[in-house]
């Protein structure tokens, strides 16, 4: 089969993929992004092959949703291995399968074991962060013992330098 820019997307998906009978995956053998996801060009745009496969075989992808892999093979385009989820769903799935960098850690930096009784989850900027409960408790105790300065406020200027601002005393002019 010759490649033509007028081929349907389904034909391109079939041409540039091979089935793996052992796993059931349909592996994209065309061009790939640096992260490992298959890419194909359509009307001058680079599209992710697994998203195109989902759209062609299952249906439209809602705005803001991700196409996630059950099989965790980035180059797989088998629609049976794909599902729709939010970014948070994708990250939870990654953590559950121990695929994330920090999810592989078994101990905190102070040597406390990450077991269910010793973990708290704090909301970070983009995701929930797993923290050591023992270290958190120790930090809280140290903060409670620290002497506090009264009538002093810390400000940060535009160059990220800290300086002390003493409160102004107002004189009652009556």
C-alpha atoms as a PDB file:
ATOM      1  CA  UNK A   1       0.000   0.000   0.000  1.00  0.00           C
ATOM      2  CA  UNK A   2       1.449   3.380  -0.983  1.00  0.00           C
ATOM      3  CA  UNK A   3       1.264   6.330   1.367  1.00  0.00           C
ATOM      4  CA  UNK A   4      -0.821   9.245   0.226  1.00  0.00           C
ATOM      5  CA  UNK A   5      -1.770  12.426   2.014  1.00  0.00           C
ATOM      6  CA  UNK A   6      -5.343  11.665   0.936  1.00  0.00           C
ATOM      7  CA  UNK A   7      -5.503   8.364   2.880  1.00  0.00           C
ATOM      8  CA  UNK A   8      -8.130   8.190   5.598  1.00  0.00           C
ATOM      9  CA  UNK A   9      -6.912   8.365   9.170  1.00  0.00           C
ATOM     10  CA  UNK A  10      -8.068   4.777   9.800  1.00  0.00           C
ATOM     11  CA  UNK A  11      -5.981   3.556   6.848  1.00  0.00           C
ATOM     12  CA  UNK A  12      -2.932   5.429   8.148  1.00  0.00           C
ATOM     13  CA  UNK A  13      -3.401   3.959  11.611  1.00  0.00           C
ATOM     14  CA  UNK A  14      -3.557   0.474  10.105  1.00  0.00           C
ATOM     15  CA  UNK A  15      -0.565   1.046   7.816  1.00  0.00           C
ATOM     16  CA  UNK A  16       1.743   2.387  10.533  1.00  0.00           C
ATOM     17  CA  UNK A  17       0.990  -0.109  13.287  1.00  0.00           C
ATOM     18  CA  UNK A  18       1.601  -3.765  14.004  1.00  0.00           C
ATOM     19  CA  UNK A  19      -0.353  -6.072  16.322  1.00  0.00           C
ATOM     20  CA  UNK A  20       1.369  -7.781  19.236  1.00  0.00           C
ATOM     21  CA  UNK A  21      -0.664 -10.979  19.881  1.00  0.00           C
ATOM     22  CA  UNK A  22       0.842 -11.680  23.332  1.00  0.00           C
ATOM     23  CA  UNK A  23      -0.325  -8.377  24.847  1.00  0.00           C
ATOM     24  CA  UNK A  24      -3.107  -7.378  22.469  1.00  0.00           C
ATOM     25  CA  UNK A  25      -1.391  -4.041  21.844  1.00  0.00           C
ATOM     26  CA  UNK A  26      -1.401  -2.381  18.430  1.00  0.00           C
ATOM     27  CA  UNK A  27       2.023  -0.705  18.371  1.00  0.00           C
ATOM     28  CA  UNK A  28       2.577   2.475  16.351  1.00  0.00           C
ATOM     29  CA  UNK A  29       5.708   2.082  14.191  1.00  0.00           C
ATOM     30  CA  UNK A  30       5.542   5.485  12.494  1.00  0.00           C
ATOM     31  CA  UNK A  31       7.142   8.688  13.769  1.00  0.00           C
ATOM     32  CA  UNK A  32       7.049   9.346  17.509  1.00  0.00           C
ATOM     33  CA  UNK A  33       7.271  12.366  19.797  1.00  0.00           C
ATOM     34  CA  UNK A  34      10.283  12.423  22.139  1.00  0.00           C
ATOM     35  CA  UNK A  35       8.036  11.172  24.986  1.00  0.00           C
ATOM     36  CA  UNK A  36       7.277   7.978  23.024  1.00  0.00           C
ATOM     37  CA  UNK A  37       3.758   8.739  21.775  1.00  0.00           C
ATOM     38  CA  UNK A  38       3.050   8.067  18.094  1.00  0.00           C
ATOM     39  CA  UNK A  39       2.557  11.110  15.880  1.00  0.00           C
ATOM     40  CA  UNK A  40       0.973  11.558  12.471  1.00  0.00           C
ATOM     41  CA  UNK A  41       0.428  14.617  10.346  1.00  0.00           C
ATOM     42  CA  UNK A  42      -3.028  15.626   9.240  1.00  0.00           C
ATOM     43  CA  UNK A  43      -3.853  18.896   7.483  1.00  0.00           C
ATOM     44  CA  UNK A  44      -0.495  20.350   8.515  1.00  0.00           C
ATOM     45  CA  UNK A  45      -0.865  19.482  12.204  1.00  0.00           C
ATOM     46  CA  UNK A  46       0.930  16.884  14.323  1.00  0.00           C
ATOM     47  CA  UNK A  47      -1.618  14.638  16.047  1.00  0.00           C
ATOM     48  CA  UNK A  48      -1.002  12.004  18.701  1.00  0.00           C
ATOM     49  CA  UNK A  49      -1.730   8.606  17.177  1.00  0.00           C
ATOM     50  CA  UNK A  50      -3.496   7.147  20.245  1.00  0.00           C
ATOM     51  CA  UNK A  51      -5.906  10.115  20.355  1.00  0.00           C
ATOM     52  CA  UNK A  52      -6.652   9.740  16.622  1.00  0.00           C
ATOM     53  CA  UNK A  53      -7.223   6.008  17.115  1.00  0.00           C
ATOM     54  CA  UNK A  54      -9.674   6.661  19.947  1.00  0.00           C
ATOM     55  CA  UNK A  55     -11.560   9.248  17.875  1.00  0.00           C
ATOM     56  CA  UNK A  56     -11.734   7.025  14.799  1.00  0.00           C
ATOM     57  CA  UNK A  57     -12.854   3.861  16.607  1.00  0.00           C
ATOM     58  CA  UNK A  58     -14.762   5.026  19.706  1.00  0.00           C
ATOM     59  CA  UNK A  59     -15.863   8.636  19.366  1.00  0.00           C
ATOM     60  CA  UNK A  60     -15.042  12.244  20.169  1.00  0.00           C
ATOM     61  CA  UNK A  61     -12.798  13.211  23.059  1.00  0.00           C
ATOM     62  CA  UNK A  62     -14.415  15.788  25.386  1.00  0.00           C
ATOM     63  CA  UNK A  63     -12.544  19.085  25.801  1.00  0.00           C
ATOM     64  CA  UNK A  64      -9.953  19.024  28.553  1.00  0.00           C
ATOM     65  CA  UNK A  65      -9.895  15.219  28.764  1.00  0.00           C
ATOM     66  CA  UNK A  66      -6.968  12.870  28.194  1.00  0.00           C
ATOM     67  CA  UNK A  67      -6.821   9.551  26.366  1.00  0.00           C
ATOM     68  CA  UNK A  68      -5.109   7.219  28.847  1.00  0.00           C
ATOM     69  CA  UNK A  69      -3.629   3.737  28.337  1.00  0.00           C
ATOM     70  CA  UNK A  70      -4.758   0.689  30.350  1.00  0.00           C
ATOM     71  CA  UNK A  71      -1.650  -1.127  29.104  1.00  0.00           C
ATOM     72  CA  UNK A  72       0.780   1.763  29.885  1.00  0.00           C
ATOM     73  CA  UNK A  73       2.470   1.382  26.485  1.00  0.00           C
ATOM     74  CA  UNK A  74       2.766   4.905  25.065  1.00  0.00           C
ATOM     75  CA  UNK A  75       2.972   3.725  21.456  1.00  0.00           C
ATOM     76  CA  UNK A  76      -0.129   1.472  21.726  1.00  0.00           C
ATOM     77  CA  UNK A  77      -3.079   2.642  19.616  1.00  0.00           C
ATOM     78  CA  UNK A  78      -5.462  -0.270  20.267  1.00  0.00           C
ATOM     79  CA  UNK A  79      -8.795   1.424  21.124  1.00  0.00           C
ATOM     80  CA  UNK A  80      -9.595  -1.418  23.575  1.00  0.00           C
ATOM     81  CA  UNK A  81      -6.562  -0.352  25.624  1.00  0.00           C
ATOM     82  CA  UNK A  82      -7.541   3.335  25.692  1.00  0.00           C
ATOM     83  CA  UNK A  83      -9.907   5.188  28.004  1.00  0.00           C
ATOM     84  CA  UNK A  84     -10.967   8.773  28.645  1.00  0.00           C
ATOM     85  CA  UNK A  85      -9.949  10.444  31.901  1.00  0.00           C
ATOM     86  CA  UNK A  86      -8.979  13.736  33.443  1.00  0.00           C
ATOM     87  CA  UNK A  87      -5.376  14.712  34.120  1.00  0.00           C
ATOM     88  CA  UNK A  88      -5.951  13.783  37.768  1.00  0.00           C
ATOM     89  CA  UNK A  89      -7.294  10.335  36.757  1.00  0.00           C
ATOM     90  CA  UNK A  90      -4.190   9.786  34.646  1.00  0.00           C
ATOM     91  CA  UNK A  91      -1.873  10.785  37.509  1.00  0.00           C
ATOM     92  CA  UNK A  92      -3.746   8.558  39.999  1.00  0.00           C
ATOM     93  CA  UNK A  93      -3.488   5.642  37.580  1.00  0.00           C
ATOM     94  CA  UNK A  94       0.241   6.319  37.201  1.00  0.00           C
ATOM     95  CA  UNK A  95       0.783   6.410  40.969  1.00  0.00           C
ATOM     96  CA  UNK A  96      -1.337   3.283  41.513  1.00  0.00           C
ATOM     97  CA  UNK A  97       0.856   1.372  39.056  1.00  0.00           C
ATOM     98  CA  UNK A  98       4.076   2.854  40.530  1.00  0.00           C
ATOM     99  CA  UNK A  99       5.078   4.478  37.255  1.00  0.00           C
ATOM    100  CA  UNK A 100       5.737   7.978  38.643  1.00  0.00           C
ATOM    101  CA  UNK A 101       9.198   8.959  39.860  1.00  0.00           C
ATOM    102  CA  UNK A 102       8.232   9.668  43.477  1.00  0.00           C
ATOM    103  CA  UNK A 103       5.808   6.759  43.756  1.00  0.00           C
ATOM    104  CA  UNK A 104       8.762   4.372  43.571  1.00  0.00           C
ATOM    105  CA  UNK A 105      10.259   5.819  46.757  1.00  0.00           C
ATOM    106  CA  UNK A 106       9.785   3.597  49.794  1.00  0.00           C
ATOM    107  CA  UNK A 107      11.288   5.947  52.426  1.00  0.00           C
ATOM    108  CA  UNK A 108      11.351   9.705  52.998  1.00  0.00           C
ATOM    109  CA  UNK A 109      14.636  11.643  52.947  1.00  0.00           C
ATOM    110  CA  UNK A 110      14.967  11.129  56.724  1.00  0.00           C
ATOM    111  CA  UNK A 111      14.592   7.358  56.440  1.00  0.00           C
ATOM    112  CA  UNK A 112      10.977   6.930  57.597  1.00  0.00           C
ATOM    113  CA  UNK A 113       9.121   4.206  55.730  1.00  0.00           C
ATOM    114  CA  UNK A 114       6.233   5.190  53.442  1.00  0.00           C
ATOM    115  CA  UNK A 115       3.485   2.986  54.822  1.00  0.00           C
ATOM    116  CA  UNK A 116      -0.210   3.894  54.876  1.00  0.00           C
ATOM    117  CA  UNK A 117      -0.113   4.927  58.567  1.00  0.00           C
ATOM    118  CA  UNK A 118       2.847   7.253  57.950  1.00  0.00           C
ATOM    119  CA  UNK A 119       1.593   9.092  54.833  1.00  0.00           C
ATOM    120  CA  UNK A 120      -0.339  12.319  54.525  1.00  0.00           C
ATOM    121  CA  UNK A 121      -1.399  13.896  51.251  1.00  0.00           C
ATOM    122  CA  UNK A 122      -0.965  17.624  50.803  1.00  0.00           C
ATOM    123  CA  UNK A 123      -2.408  19.584  47.927  1.00  0.00           C
ATOM    124  CA  UNK A 124       0.372  20.938  45.757  1.00  0.00           C
ATOM    125  CA  UNK A 125       0.143  23.374  42.864  1.00  0.00           C
ATOM    126  CA  UNK A 126      -0.765  20.709  40.308  1.00  0.00           C
ATOM    127  CA  UNK A 127      -1.365  17.494  42.245  1.00  0.00           C
ATOM    128  CA  UNK A 128      -1.611  15.795  45.607  1.00  0.00           C
ATOM    129  CA  UNK A 129       1.783  15.282  47.199  1.00  0.00           C
ATOM    130  CA  UNK A 130       2.652  12.352  49.419  1.00  0.00           C
ATOM    131  CA  UNK A 131       4.411  13.440  52.613  1.00  0.00           C
ATOM    132  CA  UNK A 132       5.897  11.659  55.609  1.00  0.00           C
ATOM    133  CA  UNK A 133       3.644  12.105  58.652  1.00  0.00           C
ATOM    134  CA  UNK A 134       6.537  11.720  61.140  1.00  0.00           C
ATOM    135  CA  UNK A 135       8.575  14.487  59.466  1.00  0.00           C
ATOM    136  CA  UNK A 136       5.486  16.704  59.236  1.00  0.00           C
ATOM    137  CA  UNK A 137       4.780  16.248  62.956  1.00  0.00           C
ATOM    138  CA  UNK A 138       8.426  17.045  63.823  1.00  0.00           C
ATOM    139  CA  UNK A 139       8.322  20.227  61.713  1.00  0.00           C
ATOM    140  CA  UNK A 140       5.135  21.333  63.489  1.00  0.00           C
ATOM    141  CA  UNK A 141       6.720  20.746  66.919  1.00  0.00           C
ATOM    142  CA  UNK A 142       9.829  22.730  65.949  1.00  0.00           C
ATOM    143  CA  UNK A 143       7.700  25.592  64.624  1.00  0.00           C
ATOM    144  CA  UNK A 144       5.744  25.753  67.883  1.00  0.00           C
ATOM    145  CA  UNK A 145       8.984  26.045  69.912  1.00  0.00           C
ATOM    146  CA  UNK A 146      10.475  28.766  67.697  1.00  0.00           C
ATOM    147  CA  UNK A 147      10.397  32.242  69.281  1.00  0.00           C
ATOM    148  CA  UNK A 148       8.186  34.686  67.415  1.00  0.00           C
ATOM    149  CA  UNK A 149       9.111  38.268  66.627  1.00  0.00           C
ATOM    150  CA  UNK A 150       6.281  40.640  67.261  1.00  0.00           C
ATOM    151  CA  UNK A 151       5.696  43.917  65.461  1.00  0.00           C
ATOM    152  CA  UNK A 152       7.985  42.832  62.623  1.00  0.00           C
ATOM    153  CA  UNK A 153       6.792  41.897  59.172  1.00  0.00           C
ATOM    154  CA  UNK A 154       8.874  40.283  56.429  1.00  0.00           C
ATOM    155  CA  UNK A 155       8.426  41.464  52.858  1.00  0.00           C
ATOM    156  CA  UNK A 156       9.902  40.254  49.626  1.00  0.00           C
ATOM    157  CA  UNK A 157      10.945  42.855  47.089  1.00  0.00           C
ATOM    158  CA  UNK A 158      10.918  42.335  43.341  1.00  0.00           C
ATOM    159  CA  UNK A 159      14.470  40.986  43.359  1.00  0.00           C
ATOM    160  CA  UNK A 160      13.470  38.221  45.807  1.00  0.00           C
ATOM    161  CA  UNK A 161      15.385  39.745  48.742  1.00  0.00           C
ATOM    162  CA  UNK A 162      13.951  39.643  52.232  1.00  0.00           C
ATOM    163  CA  UNK A 163      13.847  42.766  54.348  1.00  0.00           C
ATOM    164  CA  UNK A 164      12.189  43.725  57.611  1.00  0.00           C
ATOM    165  CA  UNK A 165       9.451  46.331  57.689  1.00  0.00           C
ATOM    166  CA  UNK A 166       8.694  47.795  61.100  1.00  0.00           C
ATOM    167  CA  UNK A 167       5.127  48.995  61.580  1.00  0.00           C
ATOM    168  CA  UNK A 168       4.528  52.751  61.492  1.00  0.00           C
ATOM    169  CA  UNK A 169       3.389  54.348  64.708  1.00  0.00           C
ATOM    170  CA  UNK A 170       0.493  56.674  64.215  1.00  0.00           C
ATOM    171  CA  UNK A 171       0.264  59.745  66.410  1.00  0.00           C
ATOM    172  CA  UNK A 172      -3.175  60.935  67.296  1.00  0.00           C
ATOM    173  CA  UNK A 173      -3.289  64.642  66.423  1.00  0.00           C
ATOM    174  CA  UNK A 174      -6.160  65.988  68.468  1.00  0.00           C
END
